[in-house]
Amino acid sequence: MKVLTVATRGGALAVTQTEVVSSALKKIYPDIKIR
C-alpha cells in the first residue's frame, strides 16, 4: 500500500480542491491511503 500525505491551505476552496484530487486519485489507485 502506498501512502500519500497531503498538506493544504486553510481556506474552504483549498480544502475542496484537495478533496476532489484525493477522490480522483482513489479512483485511479484504489489501494492508496491518503492522509
N, C-alpha and C. Protein backbone atom coordinates (compact mmCIF):
# COMPACT_ATOMS: atom_id res chain seq x y z
N MET A 1 0.84 -1.17 0.00
CA MET A 1 0.00 0.00 0.00
C MET A 1 0.89 1.24 0.00
N LYS A 2 0.52 2.20 -0.80
CA LYS A 2 1.25 3.46 -0.83
C LYS A 2 0.49 4.50 -0.03
N VAL A 3 1.23 5.38 0.64
CA VAL A 3 0.63 6.43 1.45
C VAL A 3 1.04 7.77 0.88
N LEU A 4 0.06 8.64 0.70
CA LEU A 4 0.30 9.99 0.23
C LEU A 4 -0.14 10.94 1.32
N THR A 5 0.77 11.79 1.78
CA THR A 5 0.44 12.79 2.78
C THR A 5 0.20 14.11 2.07
N VAL A 6 -0.96 14.70 2.35
CA VAL A 6 -1.38 15.92 1.67
C VAL A 6 -1.39 17.08 2.65
N ALA A 7 -0.82 18.19 2.23
CA ALA A 7 -0.87 19.43 3.01
C ALA A 7 -1.64 20.45 2.18
N THR A 8 -2.47 21.23 2.84
CA THR A 8 -3.28 22.21 2.12
C THR A 8 -3.38 23.50 2.93
N ARG A 9 -3.77 24.54 2.25
CA ARG A 9 -4.02 25.81 2.93
C ARG A 9 -5.32 25.70 3.71
N GLY A 10 -5.62 26.70 4.50
CA GLY A 10 -6.76 26.61 5.40
C GLY A 10 -8.10 27.06 4.85
N GLY A 11 -8.16 27.57 3.63
CA GLY A 11 -9.42 28.08 3.11
C GLY A 11 -10.36 26.99 2.63
N ALA A 12 -11.63 27.33 2.52
CA ALA A 12 -12.64 26.37 2.08
C ALA A 12 -12.36 25.89 0.66
N LEU A 13 -11.94 26.79 -0.23
CA LEU A 13 -11.65 26.40 -1.60
C LEU A 13 -10.49 25.42 -1.65
N ALA A 14 -9.45 25.67 -0.88
CA ALA A 14 -8.28 24.78 -0.87
C ALA A 14 -8.66 23.40 -0.36
N VAL A 15 -9.48 23.34 0.67
CA VAL A 15 -9.90 22.05 1.22
C VAL A 15 -10.74 21.29 0.19
N THR A 16 -11.64 22.00 -0.49
CA THR A 16 -12.47 21.37 -1.51
C THR A 16 -11.62 20.84 -2.66
N GLN A 17 -10.65 21.62 -3.09
CA GLN A 17 -9.76 21.18 -4.17
C GLN A 17 -8.99 19.92 -3.75
N THR A 18 -8.54 19.88 -2.52
CA THR A 18 -7.81 18.72 -2.01
C THR A 18 -8.71 17.48 -2.00
N GLU A 19 -9.96 17.65 -1.60
CA GLU A 19 -10.90 16.53 -1.58
C GLU A 19 -11.17 16.01 -2.99
N VAL A 20 -11.28 16.91 -3.97
CA VAL A 20 -11.52 16.50 -5.35
C VAL A 20 -10.34 15.69 -5.88
N VAL A 21 -9.13 16.18 -5.63
CA VAL A 21 -7.93 15.48 -6.10
C VAL A 21 -7.80 14.13 -5.39
N SER A 22 -8.06 14.09 -4.09
CA SER A 22 -7.99 12.83 -3.34
C SER A 22 -8.97 11.81 -3.89
N SER A 23 -10.17 12.25 -4.19
CA SER A 23 -11.19 11.36 -4.74
C SER A 23 -10.76 10.80 -6.10
N ALA A 24 -10.21 11.66 -6.94
CA ALA A 24 -9.75 11.22 -8.26
C ALA A 24 -8.61 10.21 -8.14
N LEU A 25 -7.68 10.46 -7.23
CA LEU A 25 -6.56 9.53 -7.04
C LEU A 25 -7.04 8.17 -6.53
N LYS A 26 -8.04 8.17 -5.65
CA LYS A 26 -8.55 6.90 -5.13
C LYS A 26 -9.25 6.09 -6.22
N LYS A 27 -9.84 6.77 -7.21
CA LYS A 27 -10.46 6.05 -8.32
C LYS A 27 -9.40 5.40 -9.20
N ILE A 28 -8.27 6.08 -9.38
CA ILE A 28 -7.20 5.55 -10.22
C ILE A 28 -6.39 4.50 -9.46
N TYR A 29 -6.09 4.78 -8.19
CA TYR A 29 -5.29 3.89 -7.34
C TYR A 29 -6.12 3.50 -6.11
N PRO A 30 -6.99 2.49 -6.22
CA PRO A 30 -7.89 2.16 -5.11
C PRO A 30 -7.19 1.74 -3.83
N ASP A 31 -5.95 1.28 -3.91
CA ASP A 31 -5.25 0.82 -2.70
C ASP A 31 -4.41 1.92 -2.05
N ILE A 32 -4.52 3.16 -2.53
CA ILE A 32 -3.72 4.26 -1.96
C ILE A 32 -4.37 4.75 -0.66
N LYS A 33 -3.54 5.14 0.28
CA LYS A 33 -4.02 5.71 1.53
C LYS A 33 -3.61 7.18 1.53
N ILE A 34 -4.58 8.06 1.67
CA ILE A 34 -4.31 9.50 1.67
C ILE A 34 -4.59 10.03 3.06
N ARG A 35 -3.60 10.75 3.59
CA ARG A 35 -3.80 11.32 4.92
C ARG A 35 -3.46 12.79 4.91
